[in-house]
Amino acid sequence: MKKVMNETIDIKSVGKTVTLAGWVAKKRDLGGLIFIDLRDESTIIQLVVNPDNKNYKIADSLKSEYVIEVTGKVVERSAKNPNLKTGDVEIEVEELTILNTCEELPFPIADEVNTSDDNRLKYRYLDIRRNKLKDNLHLRSEVLHFLRNKMYDLGFTEVQTPILTASSPEGARDFVVPSRLFPGKFYALPQAPQIYKELLMVGGLGKYFQVAPCFRDEDPRADRTLEFYQLDLEMSFVEEDDVLAVGEEIFYDVFSTFSDKKVSPRPFRRIAYNDAINMYGSDKPDLRFDMTIKDITDVFKNTEFTIFKNIIEEKGIINAIVAKNAADKYSRKQLDELTEFVKGKKASGLAYLKIDNEITGSIAKVVTEAEVNELKKVLELENNDLVLIISGERHIVKNALGQLRLRVANDLDMIDKDRLELCIVNDFPMFEWDENNEKWDFCHNPFSLPHGGIHAYDNTDDLESILAYQFDFVCNGNEMASGAIRNHDLDSLAKGFEIVGYPREEVEQRFKSIFTAFKYGCPPHGGMAPGLDRILMLIKDEPNLREVQAFPPSASGQDLMMGSPSELTKEQLRELNIKFDIKEEDK
């Protein structure tokens, strides 16, 4: 008899004889009558074995996670279970075969497991048996199916690009693979299919997409793993609005289809990068609550308060956020904790005022009545408002207040967690100053077109003012996709790399394929890449990417199940012409 899935059996199946297979989720002996919960990929169904059944001894020997096959008759249950798809019926066992046994489990197969994340990852195949993770993987399949159909409907052609490619300076570290056939040379795993998809545009393929694996040798974190997947797409003869329209349709449709939350309507709000930093202290702002950063530097332009006076003289800024009707919700101890929090974000400290009939707070005695009145006007203050102020260098102030904004919103339960609030951040600067290396670097994608084309580089004395046709899709404070209109002008492209320290000759050598191909008629083009893992994170309200991936690495970047990274044998190293000879002084 052909085996069937548990979920296909219901009250209409009563009287039928069926064959099932799966794992023993639970066994109960009730006075000689044995009940077995049989779990397959779809759901659980109850089996019953009477003491006079020829299979009784086999049933009695069963333990958790034994793999079995049974044949039996479907009967109606006297005590039904409304929590199960199959809760109206059970199977009277006629034949029972043990297909495989199971040793003692490292953790129970249950919805809630009290074990470490590393232990779950080491035995991931057991973890996948749990409903939560199994459901996440089923959802992943459904979302990918939906997105592929969406792209086909929009006229895109799916193309697979190589995994073994050349190393290129794209921002993150490359994973490299030594070549056996070409001693001393290395392949690199793609950080993204950036160059390949642009070459497809040169090849005349007008609309391309793929579900692309991307590899970046970066320290893992909750929303980033060493390997991730994105819906990579590129289009020829388009402008920024064309690409954004496709992105809006993708995000709105996938979230509306698979999430019960309210999705922000199309078109999504657009925020220029500088406005996002000024108002939210972040280029991925969470818009589910109202609390923007306000510049109050001018309020204190004539101040006698030494700290603020010195900040202004040093060309710094004074900014604030207002927690409405929250002055009485923060004690002195809690405000001291907020101070330590912003110090951890490199701010020098936190000043605050509580607005009431009597103004109190850390700087209440050093601000004048005129300054308080101006603050009330500029910040639209009301009684019981809490004003939180940070002063100093612009980048530090904005970042610290942006982080504080999120902290306070969580403290006060201001965030509407039943919303998926999307926006588009665009007009990124082409370059940003790298303080660690004391040099200019690309702010976003180096292949992006600057506003004004090559003429944007006519005045390189003001690099901060050069904007690019770059954009991010953002949802609930998460970067969901990055994209751009590409720079198809070779001189302009080379000039951008020269500014960040790569001579044209080196760039042409590192990106030989693109510099050669663009000479043969390159169309204007642009694209983007929604992050599939992050989409799933938001749909499922998961705090970590690893919960929506089948076999992710640990937080340290190790595959505890497969034992990677691992050492190679001497023979393998010899074949690859690799020899380790690192001197102590070179470490």
Protein backbone atom coordinates (compact mmCIF):
# COMPACT_ATOMS: atom_id res chain seq x y z
CA MET A 1 0.00 0.00 0.00
CA LYS A 2 1.27 3.45 -0.87
CA LYS A 3 2.33 5.54 2.13
CA VAL A 4 0.34 8.72 2.75
CA MET A 5 1.00 11.92 4.70
CA ASN A 6 -0.60 12.28 8.11
CA GLU A 7 -2.27 15.56 7.18
CA THR A 8 -4.27 13.87 4.40
CA ILE A 9 -6.20 11.83 6.97
CA ASP A 10 -9.38 13.32 8.51
CA ILE A 11 -12.87 12.31 9.59
CA LYS A 12 -13.72 11.49 5.96
CA SER A 13 -11.01 8.79 6.04
CA VAL A 14 -12.76 6.70 8.71
CA GLY A 15 -12.94 3.05 7.63
CA LYS A 16 -9.98 3.28 5.25
CA THR A 17 -6.78 1.27 5.66
CA VAL A 18 -3.66 3.40 5.32
CA THR A 19 0.10 3.05 5.55
CA LEU A 20 2.07 5.75 7.35
CA ALA A 21 5.72 6.33 8.23
CA GLY A 22 7.50 8.74 10.53
CA TRP A 23 9.07 9.30 13.92
CA VAL A 24 7.76 8.35 17.36
CA ALA A 25 7.07 11.71 19.01
CA LYS A 26 5.63 10.20 22.19
CA LYS A 27 4.51 6.85 23.59
CA ARG A 28 1.98 6.40 26.42
CA ASP A 29 1.01 3.14 28.15
CA LEU A 30 -2.44 3.50 29.69
CA GLY A 31 -3.12 0.28 31.53
CA GLY A 32 -1.87 -1.92 28.74
CA LEU A 33 -3.35 0.15 25.92
CA ILE A 34 -0.45 1.80 24.07
CA PHE A 35 -0.88 5.16 22.35
CA ILE A 36 1.81 6.40 19.96
CA ASP A 37 2.07 9.89 18.50
CA LEU A 38 3.48 9.42 15.01
CA ARG A 39 5.08 12.53 13.55
CA ASP A 40 5.88 13.08 9.89
CA GLU A 41 6.76 16.28 8.03
CA SER A 42 3.19 17.52 8.08
CA THR A 43 1.69 16.80 11.51
CA ILE A 44 1.12 14.24 14.27
CA ILE A 45 -1.43 11.44 14.25
CA GLN A 46 -2.31 9.07 17.08
CA LEU A 47 -1.78 5.31 16.80
CA VAL A 48 -3.40 2.80 19.16
CA VAL A 49 -2.19 -0.74 19.93
CA ASN A 50 -4.31 -3.15 22.04
CA PRO A 51 -2.71 -5.73 24.38
CA ASP A 52 -3.89 -8.59 22.19
CA ASN A 53 -2.40 -7.03 19.06
CA LYS A 54 0.36 -9.10 17.45
CA ASN A 55 2.46 -5.92 17.25
CA TYR A 56 2.15 -5.21 20.99
CA LYS A 57 5.72 -6.21 21.96
CA ILE A 58 7.18 -4.11 19.14
CA ALA A 59 5.02 -1.15 20.15
CA ASP A 60 6.07 -1.55 23.78
CA SER A 61 9.76 -1.42 22.79
CA LEU A 62 9.44 1.88 20.94
CA LYS A 63 11.31 4.94 22.19
CA SER A 64 11.28 8.60 21.21
CA GLU A 65 12.42 9.29 17.64
CA TYR A 66 12.38 5.67 16.50
CA VAL A 67 11.52 5.59 12.79
CA ILE A 68 8.57 3.30 12.11
CA GLU A 69 6.11 2.27 9.41
CA VAL A 70 2.54 1.28 10.26
CA THR A 71 -0.52 0.02 8.43
CA GLY A 72 -3.89 0.31 10.07
CA LYS A 73 -7.54 1.31 9.93
CA VAL A 74 -8.68 4.90 10.42
CA VAL A 75 -11.24 5.16 13.25
CA GLU A 76 -12.97 8.08 14.93
CA ARG A 77 -11.45 9.14 18.25
CA SER A 78 -13.63 9.10 21.35
CA ALA A 79 -11.55 11.89 22.93
CA LYS A 80 -10.81 14.32 20.12
CA ASN A 81 -7.91 16.79 20.03
CA PRO A 82 -8.88 20.11 18.40
CA ASN A 83 -5.22 21.24 18.41
CA LEU A 84 -4.25 18.66 15.78
CA LYS A 85 -5.16 18.55 12.10
CA THR A 86 -5.78 14.84 12.61
CA GLY A 87 -7.37 15.23 16.05
CA ASP A 88 -10.72 13.68 15.05
CA VAL A 89 -9.23 10.27 14.16
CA GLU A 90 -6.67 7.66 15.15
CA ILE A 91 -5.12 4.58 13.57
CA GLU A 92 -5.79 1.07 14.87
CA VAL A 93 -2.45 -0.59 14.12
CA GLU A 94 -2.49 -3.79 12.08
CA GLU A 95 1.18 -3.91 11.01
CA LEU A 96 4.17 -2.18 12.66
CA THR A 97 7.78 -2.19 11.50
CA ILE A 98 10.79 -0.49 13.10
CA LEU A 99 12.77 1.11 10.28
CA ASN A 100 15.45 2.57 12.53
CA THR A 101 16.20 3.10 16.20
CA CYS A 102 17.36 6.25 17.97
CA GLU A 103 20.05 6.77 20.60
CA GLU A 104 19.61 9.13 23.56
CA LEU A 105 18.92 12.61 22.18
CA PRO A 106 21.18 15.60 22.94
CA PHE A 107 17.98 17.63 23.44
CA PRO A 108 14.26 16.84 23.18
CA ILE A 109 12.35 17.40 19.97
CA ALA A 110 9.93 20.01 21.32
CA ASP A 111 8.69 23.49 20.48
CA GLU A 112 10.63 24.99 23.39
CA VAL A 113 14.12 23.59 23.95
CA ASN A 114 16.37 24.36 26.90
CA THR A 115 19.74 23.98 25.21
CA SER A 116 22.45 26.23 23.81
CA ASP A 117 22.37 27.65 20.28
CA ASP A 118 25.66 25.89 19.58
CA ASN A 119 24.15 22.56 20.58
CA ARG A 120 21.17 23.16 18.30
CA LEU A 121 23.53 23.95 15.40
CA LYS A 122 25.77 20.94 16.10
CA TYR A 123 22.72 18.68 15.76
CA ARG A 124 20.86 20.83 13.25
CA TYR A 125 19.18 17.84 11.60
CA LEU A 126 17.46 17.18 14.92
CA ASP A 127 16.64 20.86 15.38
CA ILE A 128 14.89 20.83 11.99
CA ARG A 129 12.46 18.21 13.31
CA ARG A 130 11.06 20.86 15.68
CA ASN A 131 7.87 22.50 14.41
CA LYS A 132 9.17 26.07 14.62
CA LEU A 133 12.24 25.58 12.46
CA LYS A 134 10.47 23.19 10.11
CA ASP A 135 7.70 25.75 9.58
CA ASN A 136 10.30 28.45 8.90
CA LEU A 137 11.92 26.32 6.20
CA HIS A 138 8.54 25.57 4.61
CA LEU A 139 7.81 29.30 4.59
CA ARG A 140 11.19 29.97 2.99
CA SER A 141 10.28 27.60 0.17
CA GLU A 142 6.88 29.25 -0.32
CA VAL A 143 8.38 32.77 -0.36
CA LEU A 144 11.03 31.75 -2.91
CA HIS A 145 8.35 30.15 -5.09
CA PHE A 146 6.26 33.31 -4.86
CA LEU A 147 9.18 35.61 -5.69
CA ARG A 148 10.32 33.54 -8.65
CA ASN A 149 6.82 33.64 -10.09
CA LYS A 150 6.67 37.38 -9.44
CA MET A 151 9.90 37.95 -11.36
CA TYR A 152 8.76 35.78 -14.28
CA ASP A 153 5.47 37.71 -14.38
CA LEU A 154 7.43 40.98 -14.52
CA GLY A 155 9.35 39.75 -17.57
CA PHE A 156 12.69 38.92 -15.91
CA THR A 157 14.95 36.10 -17.07
CA GLU A 158 16.58 33.88 -14.44
CA VAL A 159 20.32 33.37 -14.93
CA GLN A 160 22.83 31.61 -12.67
CA THR A 161 26.20 33.34 -12.36
CA PRO A 162 29.48 31.68 -11.25
CA ILE A 163 30.39 30.97 -7.63
CA LEU A 164 34.14 30.78 -8.33
CA THR A 165 35.17 34.24 -9.48
CA ALA A 166 37.91 36.85 -9.08
CA SER A 167 38.66 38.86 -5.95
CA SER A 168 37.65 42.52 -6.12
CA PRO A 169 37.65 45.49 -3.70
CA GLU A 170 33.91 45.67 -3.00
CA GLY A 171 33.93 46.59 0.69
CA ALA A 172 33.97 43.34 2.67
CA ARG A 173 36.67 40.67 2.81
CA ASP A 174 36.52 37.95 0.19
CA PHE A 175 36.50 34.25 0.89
CA VAL A 176 39.27 32.88 -1.32
CA VAL A 177 39.82 29.43 -2.86
CA PRO A 178 43.31 28.29 -3.93
CA SER A 179 43.70 26.99 -7.47
CA ARG A 180 45.36 23.61 -8.02
CA LEU A 181 45.82 24.14 -11.76
CA PHE A 182 47.27 27.63 -11.42
CA PRO A 183 49.74 27.55 -8.50
CA GLY A 184 49.85 30.70 -6.40
CA LYS A 185 46.54 31.98 -7.75
CA PHE A 186 43.15 32.11 -6.05
CA TYR A 187 39.47 32.23 -6.87
CA ALA A 188 37.11 34.26 -4.71
CA LEU A 189 33.54 33.53 -3.70
CA PRO A 190 31.25 36.39 -4.82
CA GLN A 191 30.21 39.01 -2.29
CA ALA A 192 27.38 39.60 -4.78
CA PRO A 193 26.95 38.95 -8.53
CA GLN A 194 27.63 42.66 -9.15
CA ILE A 195 29.94 42.48 -12.16
CA TYR A 196 28.25 39.49 -13.76
CA LYS A 197 24.84 41.12 -13.78
CA GLU A 198 26.25 44.27 -15.34
CA LEU A 199 27.91 42.14 -18.01
CA LEU A 200 24.54 40.53 -18.71
CA MET A 201 23.21 44.02 -19.42
CA VAL A 202 26.07 44.57 -21.87
CA GLY A 203 25.07 41.24 -23.40
CA GLY A 204 21.62 42.63 -24.17
CA LEU A 205 19.68 40.68 -21.55
CA GLY A 206 17.27 43.43 -20.55
CA LYS A 207 15.88 42.05 -17.28
CA TYR A 208 17.87 39.56 -15.19
CA PHE A 209 17.29 37.97 -11.78
CA GLN A 210 18.52 35.11 -9.67
CA VAL A 211 18.27 33.85 -6.11
CA ALA A 212 21.94 34.49 -5.46
CA PRO A 213 24.20 33.14 -2.70
CA CYS A 214 26.57 35.82 -1.39
CA PHE A 215 29.70 35.28 0.69
CA ARG A 216 31.40 37.85 2.91
CA ASP A 217 34.20 37.20 5.37
CA GLU A 218 32.74 39.43 8.08
CA ASP A 219 32.11 38.83 11.76
CA PRO A 220 28.65 37.22 12.08
CA ARG A 221 25.88 38.97 14.01
CA ALA A 222 22.14 38.54 14.48
CA ASP A 223 21.24 39.95 11.02
CA ARG A 224 24.36 38.85 9.14
CA THR A 225 25.92 35.46 8.46
CA LEU A 226 28.92 34.44 6.35
CA GLU A 227 26.66 33.15 3.59
CA PHE A 228 23.29 34.64 2.75
CA TYR A 229 20.86 34.85 -0.15
CA GLN A 230 19.43 37.78 -2.04
CA LEU A 231 16.98 38.29 -4.89
CA ASP A 232 19.46 39.84 -7.30
CA LEU A 233 18.01 41.80 -10.22
CA GLU A 234 19.20 44.20 -12.92
CA MET A 235 17.44 46.14 -15.71
CA SER A 236 18.66 48.01 -18.80
CA PHE A 237 17.55 51.43 -20.06
CA VAL A 238 16.04 52.43 -16.72
CA GLU A 239 16.11 55.34 -14.32
CA GLU A 240 16.00 55.21 -10.54
CA ASP A 241 12.21 55.43 -10.36
CA ASP A 242 11.87 52.36 -12.58
CA VAL A 243 13.97 50.20 -10.27
CA LEU A 244 12.25 51.57 -7.16
CA ALA A 245 8.84 50.73 -8.60
CA VAL A 246 9.87 47.08 -9.04
CA GLY A 247 11.27 47.00 -5.52
CA GLU A 248 8.10 48.47 -4.08
CA GLU A 249 5.99 45.83 -5.81
CA ILE A 250 8.24 43.00 -4.60
CA PHE A 251 8.26 44.09 -0.96
CA TYR A 252 4.61 45.10 -0.76
CA ASP A 253 3.36 41.91 -2.39
CA VAL A 254 5.55 39.47 -0.45
CA PHE A 255 4.82 41.09 2.92
CA SER A 256 1.10 41.46 2.19
CA THR A 257 0.90 37.81 1.14
CA PHE A 258 2.87 36.18 3.94
CA SER A 259 2.53 38.50 6.95
CA ASP A 260 -0.50 39.33 9.08
CA LYS A 261 0.94 42.75 9.91
CA LYS A 262 -0.15 46.02 8.37
CA VAL A 263 2.15 46.89 5.47
CA SER A 264 2.84 50.53 4.57
CA PRO A 265 1.08 51.41 1.30
CA ARG A 266 2.81 52.08 -1.99
CA PRO A 267 4.54 54.29 -2.91
CA PHE A 268 6.82 54.04 0.11
CA ARG A 269 8.05 57.16 1.82
CA ARG A 270 11.36 58.43 0.39
CA ILE A 271 13.96 59.99 2.66
CA ALA A 272 17.25 61.48 1.45
CA TYR A 273 20.27 60.03 3.24
CA ASN A 274 21.22 63.31 4.92
CA ASP A 275 17.66 63.81 6.13
CA ALA A 276 17.60 60.28 7.55
CA ILE A 277 20.81 60.95 9.49
CA ASN A 278 19.60 64.36 10.67
CA MET A 279 16.15 63.19 11.80
CA TYR A 280 16.79 59.60 12.91
CA GLY A 281 20.54 59.25 13.38
CA SER A 282 20.54 56.27 11.02
CA ASP A 283 20.36 55.41 7.34
CA LYS A 284 17.93 52.61 8.25
CA PRO A 285 15.35 54.47 10.35
CA ASP A 286 12.57 52.75 12.26
CA LEU A 287 9.44 54.75 11.40
CA ARG A 288 6.98 52.84 13.57
CA PHE A 289 7.03 55.62 16.18
CA ASP A 290 7.28 59.41 16.21
CA MET A 291 10.44 60.78 17.77
CA THR A 292 12.82 62.72 15.57
CA ILE A 293 16.15 64.32 16.37
CA LYS A 294 16.01 68.11 16.61
CA ASP A 295 18.92 70.50 16.15
CA ILE A 296 18.92 72.98 19.05
CA THR A 297 22.40 74.43 18.48
CA ASP A 298 21.00 77.89 17.71
CA VAL A 299 19.04 77.94 20.97
CA PHE A 300 22.36 78.04 22.81
CA LYS A 301 24.30 80.35 20.45
CA ASN A 302 24.72 82.93 23.25
CA THR A 303 24.93 80.48 26.14
CA GLU A 304 27.22 80.90 29.10
CA PHE A 305 27.09 77.20 29.86
CA THR A 306 30.74 76.27 29.34
CA ILE A 307 30.23 72.80 27.85
CA PHE A 308 27.74 73.95 25.21
CA LYS A 309 29.72 77.11 24.55
CA ASN A 310 32.90 75.13 23.86
CA ILE A 311 31.04 72.69 21.62
CA ILE A 312 29.71 75.52 19.46
CA GLU A 313 33.13 77.20 19.27
CA GLU A 314 34.59 73.88 18.07
CA LYS A 315 31.94 73.69 15.29
CA GLY A 316 30.07 70.90 17.04
CA ILE A 317 26.30 70.53 17.34
CA ILE A 318 23.71 70.27 20.11
CA ASN A 319 20.80 67.95 19.34
CA ALA A 320 17.88 66.53 21.27
CA ILE A 321 15.03 64.06 21.24
CA VAL A 322 11.81 64.51 23.21
CA ALA A 323 10.06 61.68 25.01
CA LYS A 324 6.50 62.98 25.14
CA ASN A 325 4.69 62.75 28.49
CA ALA A 326 7.52 60.61 29.89
CA ALA A 327 9.31 62.82 32.43
CA ASP A 328 7.68 60.98 35.33
CA LYS A 329 8.57 57.59 33.84
CA TYR A 330 12.34 57.99 34.28
CA SER A 331 14.03 58.06 37.67
CA ARG A 332 17.46 59.54 38.28
CA LYS A 333 18.90 56.02 38.27
CA GLN A 334 17.30 55.23 34.92
CA LEU A 335 18.60 58.50 33.43
CA ASP A 336 22.08 57.61 34.69
CA GLU A 337 21.70 54.29 32.85
CA LEU A 338 20.81 56.18 29.66
CA THR A 339 23.91 58.31 30.16
CA GLU A 340 26.10 55.22 30.33
CA PHE A 341 24.30 53.86 27.27
CA VAL A 342 25.17 56.89 25.10
CA LYS A 343 28.73 56.92 26.43
CA GLY A 344 28.97 53.43 25.00
CA LYS A 345 28.13 55.04 21.65
CA LYS A 346 31.11 57.42 22.02
CA ALA A 347 29.05 60.40 23.24
CA SER A 348 30.68 62.45 25.99
CA GLY A 349 27.52 62.44 28.08
CA LEU A 350 23.78 63.07 28.25
CA ALA A 351 22.03 66.21 29.45
CA TYR A 352 18.33 66.23 30.23
CA LEU A 353 15.45 68.46 31.24
CA LYS A 354 12.08 67.53 32.70
CA ILE A 355 9.41 69.99 31.67
CA ASP A 356 6.80 70.93 34.25
CA ASN A 357 5.75 74.04 36.13
CA GLU A 358 9.24 73.86 37.55
CA ILE A 359 12.04 72.89 35.14
CA THR A 360 14.30 70.20 36.58
CA GLY A 361 17.14 68.09 35.25
CA SER A 362 20.88 67.86 34.93
CA ILE A 363 21.26 71.28 33.27
CA ALA A 364 18.24 73.05 34.79
CA LYS A 365 20.46 75.39 36.82
CA VAL A 366 22.67 76.47 33.89
CA VAL A 367 20.08 77.23 31.21
CA THR A 368 18.43 80.64 31.17
CA GLU A 369 14.72 81.33 31.16
CA ALA A 370 15.03 82.66 27.61
CA GLU A 371 16.72 79.42 26.50
CA VAL A 372 14.01 77.34 28.17
CA ASN A 373 11.31 79.36 26.45
CA GLU A 374 13.05 78.95 23.10
CA LEU A 375 13.35 75.20 23.70
CA LYS A 376 9.63 75.02 24.45
CA LYS A 377 8.95 76.75 21.15
CA VAL A 378 11.42 74.83 18.96
CA LEU A 379 10.63 71.43 20.47
CA GLU A 380 6.91 72.07 21.01
CA LEU A 381 7.25 71.04 24.64
CA GLU A 382 4.40 70.32 27.00
CA ASN A 383 4.19 69.44 30.67
CA ASN A 384 5.78 66.11 31.62
CA ASP A 385 7.95 66.00 28.47
CA LEU A 386 11.51 64.68 28.84
CA VAL A 387 14.23 66.38 26.76
CA LEU A 388 17.38 64.30 26.16
CA ILE A 389 20.36 66.27 24.81
CA ILE A 390 23.71 65.22 23.36
CA SER A 391 26.39 67.59 22.13
CA GLY A 392 29.66 67.15 20.28
CA GLU A 393 30.93 66.14 16.85
CA ARG A 394 28.08 65.69 14.36
CA HIS A 395 28.63 62.03 13.48
CA ILE A 396 28.86 60.96 17.12
CA VAL A 397 25.85 63.05 18.20
CA LYS A 398 23.60 61.76 15.43
CA ASN A 399 24.57 58.12 15.92
CA ALA A 400 24.24 58.24 19.71
CA LEU A 401 20.84 59.97 19.57
CA GLY A 402 19.68 57.52 16.91
CA GLN A 403 20.55 54.61 19.21
CA LEU A 404 19.03 56.41 22.22
CA ARG A 405 15.83 57.02 20.23
CA LEU A 406 15.39 53.26 19.79
CA ARG A 407 16.27 52.55 23.43
CA VAL A 408 13.71 55.04 24.75
CA ALA A 409 11.02 53.83 22.33
CA ASN A 410 11.51 50.28 23.61
CA ASP A 411 11.51 51.46 27.23
CA LEU A 412 8.21 53.27 26.75
CA ASP A 413 6.63 50.59 24.52
CA MET A 414 6.17 53.12 21.72
CA ILE A 415 6.86 50.77 18.82
CA ASP A 416 3.85 49.44 16.93
CA LYS A 417 4.90 45.82 16.48
CA ASP A 418 1.92 45.03 14.27
CA ARG A 419 3.30 47.17 11.41
CA LEU A 420 5.80 46.64 8.65
CA GLU A 421 6.80 50.23 7.92
CA LEU A 422 8.81 50.52 4.72
CA CYS A 423 10.69 53.47 3.32
CA ILE A 424 13.35 54.18 0.71
CA VAL A 425 16.53 56.00 1.68
CA ASN A 426 18.16 57.51 -1.40
CA ASP A 427 20.67 60.18 -2.50
CA PHE A 428 23.54 58.58 -0.61
CA PRO A 429 26.86 60.42 -0.62
CA MET A 430 29.26 58.93 -3.15
CA PHE A 431 32.12 59.08 -0.63
CA GLU A 432 32.60 59.09 3.12
CA TRP A 433 35.64 59.80 5.29
CA ASP A 434 37.25 56.69 6.79
CA GLU A 435 38.55 57.86 10.18
CA ASN A 436 40.44 54.63 10.89
CA ASN A 437 42.50 54.78 7.70
CA GLU A 438 42.30 58.58 7.32
CA LYS A 439 41.20 58.42 3.70
CA TRP A 440 38.11 58.78 1.55
CA ASP A 441 36.18 55.62 0.74
CA PHE A 442 32.99 54.71 -1.08
CA CYS A 443 29.89 55.23 1.03
CA HIS A 444 27.83 52.65 -0.84
CA ASN A 445 28.34 50.75 -4.10
CA PRO A 446 31.48 51.83 -6.03
CA PHE A 447 29.79 51.07 -9.36
CA SER A 448 27.08 53.68 -8.80
CA LEU A 449 26.43 56.67 -11.03
CA PRO A 450 27.08 60.03 -9.33
CA HIS A 451 24.58 62.83 -9.82
CA GLY A 452 25.86 64.79 -12.81
CA GLY A 453 27.97 61.94 -14.16
CA ILE A 454 31.66 62.61 -14.60
CA HIS A 455 31.06 66.35 -14.09
CA ALA A 456 30.38 65.58 -10.42
CA TYR A 457 34.16 65.21 -10.09
CA ASP A 458 34.97 68.65 -11.49
CA ASN A 459 35.40 69.92 -7.93
CA THR A 460 37.06 67.30 -5.74
CA ASP A 461 37.57 69.79 -2.90
CA ASP A 462 34.03 69.08 -1.71
CA LEU A 463 33.68 65.32 -1.95
CA GLU A 464 30.98 65.19 0.72
CA SER A 465 28.57 67.06 -1.54
CA ILE A 466 28.76 64.50 -4.37
CA LEU A 467 25.59 62.41 -4.30
CA ALA A 468 24.97 59.11 -6.06
CA TYR A 469 21.98 57.33 -7.54
CA GLN A 470 22.04 54.84 -4.69
CA PHE A 471 19.21 53.70 -2.47
CA ASP A 472 18.24 51.27 0.26
CA PHE A 473 14.87 49.78 1.06
CA VAL A 474 14.37 49.87 4.84
CA CYS A 475 11.74 48.16 7.01
CA ASN A 476 11.34 48.57 10.79
CA GLY A 477 14.94 49.70 11.16
CA ASN A 478 16.39 46.93 8.98
CA GLU A 479 18.19 47.40 5.68
CA MET A 480 16.22 45.13 3.34
CA ALA A 481 17.79 45.87 -0.05
CA SER A 482 20.48 47.99 -1.64
CA GLY A 483 20.48 49.21 -5.19
CA ALA A 484 21.69 51.84 -7.60
CA ILE A 485 21.78 53.16 -11.11
CA ARG A 486 25.15 51.95 -12.34
CA ASN A 487 27.92 54.05 -13.77
CA HIS A 488 28.32 52.91 -17.37
CA ASP A 489 30.89 55.62 -18.22
CA LEU A 490 34.42 54.21 -17.91
CA ASP A 491 36.13 57.56 -17.30
CA SER A 492 33.70 58.45 -14.54
CA LEU A 493 33.98 54.99 -13.01
CA ALA A 494 37.76 55.12 -13.00
CA LYS A 495 37.75 58.63 -11.52
CA GLY A 496 35.68 57.47 -8.56
CA PHE A 497 38.15 54.69 -7.78
CA GLU A 498 41.09 57.09 -8.16
CA ILE A 499 39.59 59.34 -5.48
CA VAL A 500 39.59 56.48 -2.96
CA GLY A 501 43.15 55.48 -3.79
CA TYR A 502 43.05 53.07 -6.71
CA PRO A 503 45.02 54.24 -9.79
CA ARG A 504 43.21 53.74 -13.09
CA GLU A 505 45.73 51.12 -14.22
CA GLU A 506 45.06 49.03 -11.11
CA VAL A 507 41.28 49.40 -11.44
CA GLU A 508 41.36 48.37 -15.09
CA GLN A 509 43.39 45.31 -14.12
CA ARG A 510 41.18 44.37 -11.13
CA PHE A 511 37.98 44.88 -13.14
CA LYS A 512 39.34 43.90 -16.51
CA SER A 513 36.12 42.22 -17.63
CA ILE A 514 33.94 45.25 -17.02
CA PHE A 515 36.43 47.77 -18.44
CA THR A 516 36.74 45.67 -21.58
CA ALA A 517 33.02 44.96 -21.97
CA PHE A 518 31.92 48.57 -21.47
CA LYS A 519 33.92 49.56 -24.53
CA TYR A 520 31.53 47.58 -26.71
CA GLY A 521 28.31 49.49 -26.12
CA CYS A 522 27.06 49.42 -22.54
CA PRO A 523 23.43 50.47 -21.96
CA PRO A 524 22.37 52.57 -18.96
CA HIS A 525 21.28 50.11 -16.29
CA GLY A 526 20.42 49.69 -12.64
CA GLY A 527 19.27 47.14 -10.14
CA MET A 528 18.90 46.08 -6.55
CA ALA A 529 19.07 43.04 -4.30
CA PRO A 530 16.41 42.37 -1.61
CA GLY A 531 17.78 40.24 1.22
CA LEU A 532 15.76 37.02 1.38
CA ASP A 533 16.87 36.02 4.87
CA ARG A 534 15.87 39.40 6.30
CA ILE A 535 12.50 39.28 4.58
CA LEU A 536 11.85 35.97 6.30
CA MET A 537 13.11 37.32 9.62
CA LEU A 538 10.51 40.08 9.57
CA ILE A 539 7.66 37.85 8.39
CA LYS A 540 8.35 35.38 11.21
CA ASP A 541 9.38 37.95 13.86
CA GLU A 542 12.66 36.10 14.30
CA PRO A 543 15.50 38.00 15.99
CA ASN A 544 18.24 36.04 14.23
CA LEU A 545 18.95 35.05 10.61
CA ARG A 546 19.95 31.57 11.74
CA GLU A 547 16.30 30.80 12.54
CA VAL A 548 15.32 31.05 8.86
CA GLN A 549 18.33 29.23 7.36
CA ALA A 550 18.69 25.46 7.12
CA PHE A 551 22.34 24.99 8.04
CA PRO A 552 23.81 28.29 9.27
CA PRO A 553 27.18 28.79 10.97
CA SER A 554 27.44 29.56 14.67
CA ALA A 555 27.86 33.06 16.08
CA SER A 556 31.63 32.55 15.81
CA GLY A 557 31.39 31.59 12.13
CA GLN A 558 31.95 27.83 12.60
CA ASP A 559 29.88 25.01 11.17
CA LEU A 560 29.70 22.89 14.32
CA MET A 561 27.83 20.11 12.52
CA MET A 562 30.27 19.64 9.62
CA GLY A 563 33.38 20.73 11.52
CA SER A 564 34.38 23.64 9.31
CA PRO A 565 36.61 25.47 8.91
CA SER A 566 38.93 22.48 9.10
CA GLU A 567 42.60 21.76 8.47
CA LEU A 568 43.75 20.23 5.20
CA THR A 569 46.03 17.23 4.95
CA LYS A 570 49.65 17.64 3.88
CA GLU A 571 48.75 15.97 0.59
CA GLN A 572 45.98 18.48 -0.08
CA LEU A 573 48.24 21.40 0.76
CA ARG A 574 50.94 19.99 -1.51
CA GLU A 575 48.45 19.67 -4.39
CA LEU A 576 47.44 23.28 -3.90
CA ASN A 577 51.05 24.46 -3.66
CA ILE A 578 50.39 25.97 -0.22
CA LYS A 579 53.02 26.12 2.49
CA PHE A 580 52.65 27.84 5.85
CA ASP A 581 55.79 29.75 6.78
CA ILE A 582 54.64 32.60 8.99
CA LYS A 583 57.37 34.09 11.10
CA GLU A 584 56.57 35.24 14.63
CA GLU A 585 57.23 38.87 13.77
CA ASP A 586 54.78 38.66 10.83
CA LYS A 587 51.84 37.45 12.95
